[in-house]
Amino acid sequence: AVAGLDLSSRRADVVARNVANADRAGYARRSIDMGGPGVGVPGS
């Protein structure tokens, strides 16, 4: 759950950056990718 909160916070930050820079030249949309066994699992 704590890892999920952290992930949601980071996703919200990425969305905010996307919206703030939508009209900036050269800016490409950001997205978060998960890797490893799963959220909150060691190695993720």
PDB file of all heavy atoms in Angstrom:
ATOM      1  N   ALA A   1       0.831  -1.203   0.000  1.00  0.00           N
ATOM      2  CA  ALA A   1       0.000   0.000   0.000  1.00  0.00           C
ATOM      3  C   ALA A   1       0.872   1.263   0.000  1.00  0.00           C
ATOM      4  O   ALA A   1       0.594   2.238  -0.716  1.00  0.00           O
ATOM      5  CB  ALA A   1      -0.933  -0.005   1.200  1.00  0.00           C
ATOM      6  N   VAL A   2       1.919   1.250   0.814  1.00  0.00           N
ATOM      7  CA  VAL A   2       2.820   2.415   0.857  1.00  0.00           C
ATOM      8  C   VAL A   2       3.508   2.602  -0.494  1.00  0.00           C
ATOM      9  O   VAL A   2       3.657   3.730  -0.993  1.00  0.00           O
ATOM     10  CB  VAL A   2       3.861   2.245   1.982  1.00  0.00           C
ATOM     11  CG1 VAL A   2       4.930   3.333   1.880  1.00  0.00           C
ATOM     12  CG2 VAL A   2       3.186   2.309   3.340  1.00  0.00           C
ATOM     13  N   ALA A   3       3.942   1.478  -1.094  1.00  0.00           N
ATOM     14  CA  ALA A   3       4.551   1.569  -2.425  1.00  0.00           C
ATOM     15  C   ALA A   3       3.544   2.095  -3.444  1.00  0.00           C
ATOM     16  O   ALA A   3       3.887   2.864  -4.360  1.00  0.00           O
ATOM     17  CB  ALA A   3       5.078   0.202  -2.858  1.00  0.00           C
ATOM     18  N   GLY A   4       2.272   1.678  -3.295  1.00  0.00           N
ATOM     19  CA  GLY A   4       1.226   2.176  -4.179  1.00  0.00           C
ATOM     20  C   GLY A   4       1.005   3.665  -4.022  1.00  0.00           C
ATOM     21  O   GLY A   4       0.775   4.388  -5.008  1.00  0.00           O
ATOM     22  N   LEU A   5       1.072   4.155  -2.754  1.00  0.00           N
ATOM     23  CA  LEU A   5       0.948   5.584  -2.525  1.00  0.00           C
ATOM     24  C   LEU A   5       2.097   6.349  -3.208  1.00  0.00           C
ATOM     25  O   LEU A   5       1.889   7.399  -3.835  1.00  0.00           O
ATOM     26  CB  LEU A   5       0.951   5.881  -1.027  1.00  0.00           C
ATOM     27  CG  LEU A   5      -0.299   5.461  -0.250  1.00  0.00           C
ATOM     28  CD1 LEU A   5      -0.083   5.665   1.242  1.00  0.00           C
ATOM     29  CD2 LEU A   5      -1.509   6.258  -0.723  1.00  0.00           C
ATOM     30  N   ASP A   6       3.298   5.798  -3.052  1.00  0.00           N
ATOM     31  CA  ASP A   6       4.464   6.446  -3.682  1.00  0.00           C
ATOM     32  C   ASP A   6       4.336   6.457  -5.198  1.00  0.00           C
ATOM     33  O   ASP A   6       4.620   7.477  -5.864  1.00  0.00           O
ATOM     34  CB  ASP A   6       5.735   5.716  -3.266  1.00  0.00           C
ATOM     35  CG  ASP A   6       6.971   6.330  -3.899  1.00  0.00           C
ATOM     36  OD1 ASP A   6       7.305   7.481  -3.563  1.00  0.00           O
ATOM     37  OD2 ASP A   6       7.598   5.648  -4.741  1.00  0.00           O
ATOM     38  N   LEU A   7       3.873   5.327  -5.764  1.00  0.00           N
ATOM     39  CA  LEU A   7       3.702   5.243  -7.217  1.00  0.00           C
ATOM     40  C   LEU A   7       2.637   6.220  -7.691  1.00  0.00           C
ATOM     41  O   LEU A   7       2.812   6.912  -8.717  1.00  0.00           O
ATOM     42  CB  LEU A   7       3.331   3.814  -7.613  1.00  0.00           C
ATOM     43  CG  LEU A   7       3.089   3.560  -9.105  1.00  0.00           C
ATOM     44  CD1 LEU A   7       4.345   3.876  -9.908  1.00  0.00           C
ATOM     45  CD2 LEU A   7       2.653   2.110  -9.345  1.00  0.00           C
ATOM     46  N   SER A   8       1.528   6.318  -6.955  1.00  0.00           N
ATOM     47  CA  SER A   8       0.469   7.256  -7.333  1.00  0.00           C
ATOM     48  C   SER A   8       0.964   8.693  -7.269  1.00  0.00           C
ATOM     49  O   SER A   8       0.625   9.523  -8.129  1.00  0.00           O
ATOM     50  CB  SER A   8      -0.746   7.085  -6.406  1.00  0.00           C
ATOM     51  OG  SER A   8      -1.322   5.808  -6.568  1.00  0.00           O
ATOM     52  N   SER A   9       1.791   8.982  -6.258  1.00  0.00           N
ATOM     53  CA  SER A   9       2.334  10.328  -6.142  1.00  0.00           C
ATOM     54  C   SER A   9       3.235  10.659  -7.332  1.00  0.00           C
ATOM     55  O   SER A   9       3.169  11.764  -7.889  1.00  0.00           O
ATOM     56  CB  SER A   9       3.130  10.432  -4.836  1.00  0.00           C
ATOM     57  OG  SER A   9       3.742  11.696  -4.730  1.00  0.00           O
ATOM     58  N   ARG A  10       4.056   9.704  -7.723  1.00  0.00           N
ATOM     59  CA  ARG A  10       4.948   9.934  -8.860  1.00  0.00           C
ATOM     60  C   ARG A  10       4.153  10.061 -10.162  1.00  0.00           C
ATOM     61  O   ARG A  10       4.490  10.880 -11.030  1.00  0.00           O
ATOM     62  CB  ARG A  10       5.974   8.813  -8.967  1.00  0.00           C
ATOM     63  CG  ARG A  10       6.898   8.733  -7.770  1.00  0.00           C
ATOM     64  CD  ARG A  10       7.977   7.689  -7.932  1.00  0.00           C
ATOM     65  NE  ARG A  10       8.922   8.034  -8.986  1.00  0.00           N
ATOM     66  CZ  ARG A  10      10.004   7.317  -9.256  1.00  0.00           C
ATOM     67  NH1 ARG A  10      10.278   6.224  -8.550  1.00  0.00           N
ATOM     68  NH2 ARG A  10      10.816   7.681 -10.232  1.00  0.00           N
ATOM     69  N   ARG A  11       3.102   9.263 -10.292  1.00  0.00           N
ATOM     70  CA  ARG A  11       2.262   9.369 -11.482  1.00  0.00           C
ATOM     71  C   ARG A  11       1.575  10.728 -11.548  1.00  0.00           C
ATOM     72  O   ARG A  11       1.457  11.340 -12.623  1.00  0.00           O
ATOM     73  CB  ARG A  11       1.224   8.244 -11.489  1.00  0.00           C
ATOM     74  CG  ARG A  11       1.795   6.903 -11.930  1.00  0.00           C
ATOM     75  CD  ARG A  11       0.762   5.813 -11.861  1.00  0.00           C
ATOM     76  NE  ARG A  11       1.243   4.586 -12.483  1.00  0.00           N
ATOM     77  CZ  ARG A  11       0.667   3.389 -12.329  1.00  0.00           C
ATOM     78  NH1 ARG A  11      -0.423   3.282 -11.573  1.00  0.00           N
ATOM     79  NH2 ARG A  11       1.179   2.336 -12.929  1.00  0.00           N
ATOM     80  N   ALA A  12       1.106  11.211 -10.394  1.00  0.00           N
ATOM     81  CA  ALA A  12       0.460  12.517 -10.368  1.00  0.00           C
ATOM     82  C   ALA A  12       1.460  13.613 -10.753  1.00  0.00           C
ATOM     83  O   ALA A  12       1.118  14.570 -11.472  1.00  0.00           O
ATOM     84  CB  ALA A  12      -0.112  12.796  -8.978  1.00  0.00           C
ATOM     85  N   ASP A  13       2.711  13.464 -10.309  1.00  0.00           N
ATOM     86  CA  ASP A  13       3.736  14.445 -10.665  1.00  0.00           C
ATOM     87  C   ASP A  13       4.005  14.429 -12.171  1.00  0.00           C
ATOM     88  O   ASP A  13       4.176  15.489 -12.791  1.00  0.00           O
ATOM     89  CB  ASP A  13       5.018  14.127  -9.899  1.00  0.00           C
ATOM     90  CG  ASP A  13       6.136  15.097 -10.236  1.00  0.00           C
ATOM     91  OD1 ASP A  13       5.994  16.289  -9.942  1.00  0.00           O
ATOM     92  OD2 ASP A  13       7.149  14.651 -10.817  1.00  0.00           O
ATOM     93  N   VAL A  14       4.034  13.235 -12.778  1.00  0.00           N
ATOM     94  CA  VAL A  14       4.259  13.126 -14.216  1.00  0.00           C
ATOM     95  C   VAL A  14       3.117  13.762 -14.999  1.00  0.00           C
ATOM     96  O   VAL A  14       3.332  14.484 -15.982  1.00  0.00           O
ATOM     97  CB  VAL A  14       4.452  11.652 -14.627  1.00  0.00           C
ATOM     98  CG1 VAL A  14       4.377  11.491 -16.145  1.00  0.00           C
ATOM     99  CG2 VAL A  14       5.782  11.128 -14.113  1.00  0.00           C
ATOM    100  N   VAL A  15       1.880  13.526 -14.552  1.00  0.00           N
ATOM    101  CA  VAL A  15       0.720  14.122 -15.216  1.00  0.00           C
ATOM    102  C   VAL A  15       0.799  15.647 -15.127  1.00  0.00           C
ATOM    103  O   VAL A  15       0.524  16.363 -16.104  1.00  0.00           O
ATOM    104  CB  VAL A  15      -0.591  13.594 -14.606  1.00  0.00           C
ATOM    105  CG1 VAL A  15      -1.779  14.417 -15.091  1.00  0.00           C
ATOM    106  CG2 VAL A  15      -0.788  12.131 -14.956  1.00  0.00           C
ATOM    107  N   ALA A  16       1.156  16.150 -13.948  1.00  0.00           N
ATOM    108  CA  ALA A  16       1.259  17.597 -13.770  1.00  0.00           C
ATOM    109  C   ALA A  16       2.318  18.177 -14.716  1.00  0.00           C
ATOM    110  O   ALA A  16       2.122  19.247 -15.314  1.00  0.00           O
ATOM    111  CB  ALA A  16       1.604  17.922 -12.319  1.00  0.00           C
ATOM    112  N   ARG A  17       3.439  17.489 -14.868  1.00  0.00           N
ATOM    113  CA  ARG A  17       4.488  17.954 -15.785  1.00  0.00           C
ATOM    114  C   ARG A  17       3.989  17.932 -17.224  1.00  0.00           C
ATOM    115  O   ARG A  17       4.290  18.848 -18.012  1.00  0.00           O
ATOM    116  CB  ARG A  17       5.732  17.079 -15.642  1.00  0.00           C
ATOM    117  CG  ARG A  17       6.473  17.293 -14.333  1.00  0.00           C
ATOM    118  CD  ARG A  17       7.554  16.252 -14.128  1.00  0.00           C
ATOM    119  NE  ARG A  17       8.583  16.312 -15.166  1.00  0.00           N
ATOM    120  CZ  ARG A  17       9.553  15.400 -15.264  1.00  0.00           C
ATOM    121  NH1 ARG A  17       9.614  14.384 -14.413  1.00  0.00           N
ATOM    122  NH2 ARG A  17      10.465  15.523 -16.215  1.00  0.00           N
ATOM    123  N   ASN A  18       3.246  16.897 -17.575  1.00  0.00           N
ATOM    124  CA  ASN A  18       2.710  16.819 -18.940  1.00  0.00           C
ATOM    125  C   ASN A  18       1.790  17.985 -19.243  1.00  0.00           C
ATOM    126  O   ASN A  18       1.882  18.614 -20.310  1.00  0.00           O
ATOM    127  CB  ASN A  18       1.960  15.495 -19.133  1.00  0.00           C
ATOM    128  CG  ASN A  18       2.878  14.298 -19.247  1.00  0.00           C
ATOM    129  OD1 ASN A  18       4.073  14.443 -19.530  1.00  0.00           O
ATOM    130  ND2 ASN A  18       2.337  13.118 -19.036  1.00  0.00           N
ATOM    131  N   VAL A  19       0.905  18.288 -18.309  1.00  0.00           N
ATOM    132  CA  VAL A  19      -0.059  19.367 -18.524  1.00  0.00           C
ATOM    133  C   VAL A  19       0.660  20.719 -18.569  1.00  0.00           C
ATOM    134  O   VAL A  19       0.373  21.570 -19.429  1.00  0.00           O
ATOM    135  CB  VAL A  19      -1.132  19.365 -17.425  1.00  0.00           C
ATOM    136  CG1 VAL A  19      -2.034  20.588 -17.541  1.00  0.00           C
ATOM    137  CG2 VAL A  19      -1.961  18.082 -17.510  1.00  0.00           C
ATOM    138  N   ALA A  20       1.612  20.916 -17.671  1.00  0.00           N
ATOM    139  CA  ALA A  20       2.311  22.202 -17.598  1.00  0.00           C
ATOM    140  C   ALA A  20       3.155  22.466 -18.843  1.00  0.00           C
ATOM    141  O   ALA A  20       3.363  23.628 -19.222  1.00  0.00           O
ATOM    142  CB  ALA A  20       3.185  22.243 -16.353  1.00  0.00           C
ATOM    143  N   ASN A  21       3.647  21.415 -19.477  1.00  0.00           N
ATOM    144  CA  ASN A  21       4.548  21.574 -20.628  1.00  0.00           C
ATOM    145  C   ASN A  21       3.904  21.183 -21.953  1.00  0.00           C
ATOM    146  O   ASN A  21       4.610  20.961 -22.938  1.00  0.00           O
ATOM    147  CB  ASN A  21       5.806  20.727 -20.425  1.00  0.00           C
ATOM    148  CG  ASN A  21       6.655  21.197 -19.269  1.00  0.00           C
ATOM    149  OD1 ASN A  21       7.406  22.151 -19.391  1.00  0.00           O
ATOM    150  ND2 ASN A  21       6.526  20.524 -18.122  1.00  0.00           N
ATOM    151  N   ALA A  22       2.576  21.121 -21.978  1.00  0.00           N
ATOM    152  CA  ALA A  22       1.881  20.643 -23.178  1.00  0.00           C
ATOM    153  C   ALA A  22       2.213  21.464 -24.417  1.00  0.00           C
ATOM    154  O   ALA A  22       2.275  20.930 -25.527  1.00  0.00           O
ATOM    155  CB  ALA A  22       0.366  20.650 -22.939  1.00  0.00           C
ATOM    156  N   ASP A  23       2.466  22.761 -24.245  1.00  0.00           N
ATOM    157  CA  ASP A  23       2.726  23.631 -25.388  1.00  0.00           C
ATOM    158  C   ASP A  23       4.200  23.957 -25.574  1.00  0.00           C
ATOM    159  O   ASP A  23       4.550  24.769 -26.432  1.00  0.00           O
ATOM    160  CB  ASP A  23       1.941  24.942 -25.239  1.00  0.00           C
ATOM    161  CG  ASP A  23       0.438  24.723 -25.275  1.00  0.00           C
ATOM    162  OD1 ASP A  23       0.005  23.803 -25.987  1.00  0.00           O
ATOM    163  OD2 ASP A  23      -0.292  25.467 -24.588  1.00  0.00           O
ATOM    164  N   ARG A  24       5.066  23.363 -24.775  1.00  0.00           N
ATOM    165  CA  ARG A  24       6.497  23.670 -24.884  1.00  0.00           C
ATOM    166  C   ARG A  24       7.119  22.916 -26.047  1.00  0.00           C
ATOM    167  O   ARG A  24       6.919  21.703 -26.204  1.00  0.00           O
ATOM    168  CB  ARG A  24       7.228  23.314 -23.586  1.00  0.00           C
ATOM    169  CG  ARG A  24       8.720  23.637 -23.614  1.00  0.00           C
ATOM    170  CD  ARG A  24       9.296  23.649 -22.204  1.00  0.00           C
ATOM    171  NE  ARG A  24       9.280  22.341 -21.597  1.00  0.00           N
ATOM    172  CZ  ARG A  24      10.245  21.426 -21.754  1.00  0.00           C
ATOM    173  NH1 ARG A  24      11.274  21.691 -22.544  1.00  0.00           N
ATOM    174  NH2 ARG A  24      10.177  20.272 -21.140  1.00  0.00           N
ATOM    175  N   ALA A  25       7.871  23.622 -26.879  1.00  0.00           N
ATOM    176  CA  ALA A  25       8.507  23.008 -28.047  1.00  0.00           C
ATOM    177  C   ALA A  25       9.483  21.927 -27.603  1.00  0.00           C
ATOM    178  O   ALA A  25      10.272  22.121 -26.677  1.00  0.00           O
ATOM    179  CB  ALA A  25       9.241  24.072 -28.862  1.00  0.00           C
ATOM    180  N   GLY A  26       9.415  20.788 -28.273  1.00  0.00           N
ATOM    181  CA  GLY A  26      10.333  19.696 -28.003  1.00  0.00           C
ATOM    182  C   GLY A  26       9.900  18.776 -26.880  1.00  0.00           C
ATOM    183  O   GLY A  26      10.539  17.741 -26.651  1.00  0.00           O
ATOM    184  N   TYR A  27       8.826  19.152 -26.161  1.00  0.00           N
ATOM    185  CA  TYR A  27       8.390  18.311 -25.041  1.00  0.00           C
ATOM    186  C   TYR A  27       7.581  17.131 -25.549  1.00  0.00           C
ATOM    187  O   TYR A  27       6.686  17.276 -26.376  1.00  0.00           O
ATOM    188  CB  TYR A  27       7.547  19.120 -24.056  1.00  0.00           C
ATOM    189  CG  TYR A  27       7.155  18.352 -22.813  1.00  0.00           C
ATOM    190  CD1 TYR A  27       8.022  18.284 -21.736  1.00  0.00           C
ATOM    191  CD2 TYR A  27       5.932  17.698 -22.733  1.00  0.00           C
ATOM    192  CE1 TYR A  27       7.674  17.579 -20.588  1.00  0.00           C
ATOM    193  CE2 TYR A  27       5.576  16.990 -21.588  1.00  0.00           C
ATOM    194  CZ  TYR A  27       6.451  16.934 -20.519  1.00  0.00           C
ATOM    195  OH  TYR A  27       6.105  16.229 -19.393  1.00  0.00           O
ATOM    196  N   ALA A  28       7.910  15.945 -25.049  1.00  0.00           N
ATOM    197  CA  ALA A  28       7.154  14.731 -25.370  1.00  0.00           C
ATOM    198  C   ALA A  28       6.520  14.199 -24.096  1.00  0.00           C
ATOM    199  O   ALA A  28       7.099  14.292 -23.001  1.00  0.00           O
ATOM    200  CB  ALA A  28       8.073  13.675 -25.981  1.00  0.00           C
ATOM    201  N   ARG A  29       5.340  13.653 -24.227  1.00  0.00           N
ATOM    202  CA  ARG A  29       4.589  13.174 -23.064  1.00  0.00           C
ATOM    203  C   ARG A  29       5.392  12.135 -22.278  1.00  0.00           C
ATOM    204  O   ARG A  29       6.038  11.265 -22.840  1.00  0.00           O
ATOM    205  CB  ARG A  29       3.260  12.566 -23.530  1.00  0.00           C
ATOM    206  CG  ARG A  29       2.359  12.097 -22.389  1.00  0.00           C
ATOM    207  CD  ARG A  29       0.986  11.755 -22.931  1.00  0.00           C
ATOM    208  NE  ARG A  29       1.058  10.732 -23.956  1.00  0.00           N
ATOM    209  CZ  ARG A  29       1.024   9.418 -23.712  1.00  0.00           C
ATOM    210  NH1 ARG A  29       0.937   8.982 -22.455  1.00  0.00           N
ATOM    211  NH2 ARG A  29       1.067   8.549 -24.694  1.00  0.00           N
ATOM    212  N   ARG A  30       5.344  12.255 -20.936  1.00  0.00           N
ATOM    213  CA  ARG A  30       6.017  11.314 -20.058  1.00  0.00           C
ATOM    214  C   ARG A  30       5.019  10.273 -19.573  1.00  0.00           C
ATOM    215  O   ARG A  30       3.821  10.537 -19.427  1.00  0.00           O
ATOM    216  CB  ARG A  30       6.618  12.016 -18.839  1.00  0.00           C
ATOM    217  CG  ARG A  30       7.441  13.258 -19.145  1.00  0.00           C
ATOM    218  CD  ARG A  30       8.750  12.926 -19.825  1.00  0.00           C
ATOM    219  NE  ARG A  30       9.699  14.026 -19.702  1.00  0.00           N
ATOM    220  CZ  ARG A  30       9.974  14.899 -20.642  1.00  0.00           C
ATOM    221  NH1 ARG A  30       9.361  14.799 -21.820  1.00  0.00           N
ATOM    222  NH2 ARG A  30      10.841  15.860 -20.436  1.00  0.00           N
ATOM    223  N   SER A  31       5.518   9.094 -19.318  1.00  0.00           N
ATOM    224  CA  SER A  31       4.699   8.049 -18.700  1.00  0.00           C
ATOM    225  C   SER A  31       5.583   7.204 -17.794  1.00  0.00           C
ATOM    226  O   SER A  31       6.800   7.143 -17.990  1.00  0.00           O
ATOM    227  CB  SER A  31       4.023   7.169 -19.761  1.00  0.00           C
ATOM    228  OG  SER A  31       4.994   6.549 -20.585  1.00  0.00           O
ATOM    229  N   ILE A  32       4.966   6.587 -16.790  1.00  0.00           N
ATOM    230  CA  ILE A  32       5.709   5.768 -15.822  1.00  0.00           C
ATOM    231  C   ILE A  32       5.574   4.305 -16.201  1.00  0.00           C
ATOM    232  O   ILE A  32       4.477   3.818 -16.493  1.00  0.00           O
ATOM    233  CB  ILE A  32       5.191   6.017 -14.392  1.00  0.00           C
ATOM    234  CG1 ILE A  32       5.709   7.365 -13.895  1.00  0.00           C
ATOM    235  CG2 ILE A  32       5.611   4.910 -13.457  1.00  0.00           C
ATOM    236  CD1 ILE A  32       5.413   7.644 -12.447  1.00  0.00           C
ATOM    237  N   ASP A  33       6.692   3.627 -16.204  1.00  0.00           N
ATOM    238  CA  ASP A  33       6.725   2.185 -16.507  1.00  0.00           C
ATOM    239  C   ASP A  33       7.200   1.430 -15.278  1.00  0.00           C
ATOM    240  O   ASP A  33       8.167   1.825 -14.610  1.00  0.00           O
ATOM    241  CB  ASP A  33       7.671   1.906 -17.688  1.00  0.00           C
ATOM    242  CG  ASP A  33       7.245   2.620 -18.955  1.00  0.00           C
ATOM    243  OD1 ASP A  33       6.019   2.673 -19.214  1.00  0.00           O
ATOM    244  OD2 ASP A  33       8.117   3.137 -19.670  1.00  0.00           O
ATOM    245  N   MET A  34       6.497   0.339 -14.995  1.00  0.00           N
ATOM    246  CA  MET A  34       6.858  -0.517 -13.858  1.00  0.00           C
ATOM    247  C   MET A  34       7.724  -1.663 -14.344  1.00  0.00           C
ATOM    248  O   MET A  34       7.533  -2.202 -15.433  1.00  0.00           O
ATOM    249  CB  MET A  34       5.594  -1.090 -13.200  1.00  0.00           C
ATOM    250  CG  MET A  34       4.837  -0.085 -12.351  1.00  0.00           C
ATOM    251  SD  MET A  34       5.749   0.351 -10.859  1.00  0.00           S
ATOM    252  CE  MET A  34       5.945  -1.274 -10.112  1.00  0.00           C
ATOM    253  N   GLY A  35       8.692  -2.033 -13.533  1.00  0.00           N
ATOM    254  CA  GLY A  35       9.525  -3.180 -13.843  1.00  0.00           C
ATOM    255  C   GLY A  35       9.710  -4.044 -12.619  1.00  0.00           C
ATOM    256  O   GLY A  35       9.539  -3.599 -11.479  1.00  0.00           O
ATOM    257  N   GLY A  36      10.019  -5.308 -12.810  1.00  0.00           N
ATOM    258  CA  GLY A  36      10.230  -6.204 -11.694  1.00  0.00           C
ATOM    259  C   GLY A  36       8.983  -7.026 -11.357  1.00  0.00           C
ATOM    260  O   GLY A  36       7.986  -7.006 -12.095  1.00  0.00           O
ATOM    261  N   PRO A  37       9.003  -7.724 -10.197  1.00  0.00           N
ATOM    262  CA  PRO A  37       7.897  -8.637  -9.839  1.00  0.00           C
ATOM    263  C   PRO A  37       6.564  -7.959  -9.623  1.00  0.00           C
ATOM    264  O   PRO A  37       5.520  -8.499  -9.952  1.00  0.00           O
ATOM    265  CB  PRO A  37       8.400  -9.286  -8.530  1.00  0.00           C
ATOM    266  CG  PRO A  37       9.885  -9.094  -8.543  1.00  0.00           C
ATOM    267  CD  PRO A  37      10.116  -7.795  -9.244  1.00  0.00           C
ATOM    268  N   GLY A  38       6.551  -6.746  -9.037  1.00  0.00           N
ATOM    269  CA  GLY A  38       5.289  -6.067  -8.789  1.00  0.00           C
ATOM    270  C   GLY A  38       5.474  -4.949  -7.797  1.00  0.00           C
ATOM    271  O   GLY A  38       6.538  -4.793  -7.181  1.00  0.00           O
ATOM    272  N   VAL A  39       4.418  -4.153  -7.607  1.00  0.00           N
ATOM    273  CA  VAL A  39       4.483  -3.000  -6.703  1.00  0.00           C
ATOM    274  C   VAL A  39       4.744  -3.466  -5.283  1.00  0.00           C
ATOM    275  O   VAL A  39       4.044  -4.349  -4.765  1.00  0.00           O
ATOM    276  CB  VAL A  39       3.171  -2.199  -6.759  1.00  0.00           C
ATOM    277  CG1 VAL A  39       3.231  -1.035  -5.768  1.00  0.00           C
ATOM    278  CG2 VAL A  39       2.919  -1.698  -8.163  1.00  0.00           C
ATOM    279  N   GLY A  40       5.770  -2.871  -4.653  1.00  0.00           N
ATOM    280  CA  GLY A  40       6.072  -3.177  -3.272  1.00  0.00           C
ATOM    281  C   GLY A  40       6.871  -4.434  -3.064  1.00  0.00           C
ATOM    282  O   GLY A  40       7.246  -4.752  -1.928  1.00  0.00           O
ATOM    283  N   VAL A  41       7.142  -5.182  -4.129  1.00  0.00           N
ATOM    284  CA  VAL A  41       7.906  -6.428  -4.033  1.00  0.00           C
ATOM    285  C   VAL A  41       9.382  -6.103  -4.249  1.00  0.00           C
ATOM    286  O   VAL A  41       9.717  -5.325  -5.155  1.00  0.00           O
ATOM    287  CB  VAL A  41       7.421  -7.459  -5.068  1.00  0.00           C
ATOM    288  CG1 VAL A  41       8.241  -8.739  -4.983  1.00  0.00           C
ATOM    289  CG2 VAL A  41       5.939  -7.735  -4.861  1.00  0.00           C
ATOM    290  N   PRO A  42      10.275  -6.650  -3.448  1.00  0.00           N
ATOM    291  CA  PRO A  42      11.704  -6.403  -3.637  1.00  0.00           C
ATOM    292  C   PRO A  42      12.146  -6.716  -5.072  1.00  0.00           C
ATOM    293  O   PRO A  42      11.732  -7.718  -5.649  1.00  0.00           O
ATOM    294  CB  PRO A  42      12.361  -7.348  -2.629  1.00  0.00           C
ATOM    295  CG  PRO A  42      11.343  -7.508  -1.543  1.00  0.00           C
ATOM    296  CD  PRO A  42      10.019  -7.502  -2.249  1.00  0.00           C
ATOM    297  N   GLY A  43      12.975  -5.849  -5.627  1.00  0.00           N
ATOM    298  CA  GLY A  43      13.434  -6.035  -7.013  1.00  0.00           C
ATOM    299  C   GLY A  43      12.630  -5.246  -8.017  1.00  0.00           C
ATOM    300  O   GLY A  43      13.002  -5.168  -9.197  1.00  0.00           O
ATOM    301  N   SER A  44      11.524  -4.654  -7.565  1.00  0.00           N
ATOM    302  CA  SER A  44      10.700  -3.854  -8.470  1.00  0.00           C
ATOM    303  C   SER A  44      11.310  -2.453  -8.628  1.00  0.00           C
ATOM    304  O   SER A  44      11.988  -1.956  -7.738  1.00  0.00           O
ATOM    305  CB  SER A  44       9.273  -3.718  -7.927  1.00  0.00           C
ATOM    306  OG  SER A  44       8.689  -5.001  -7.780  1.00  0.00           O
TER     307      SER A  44
END
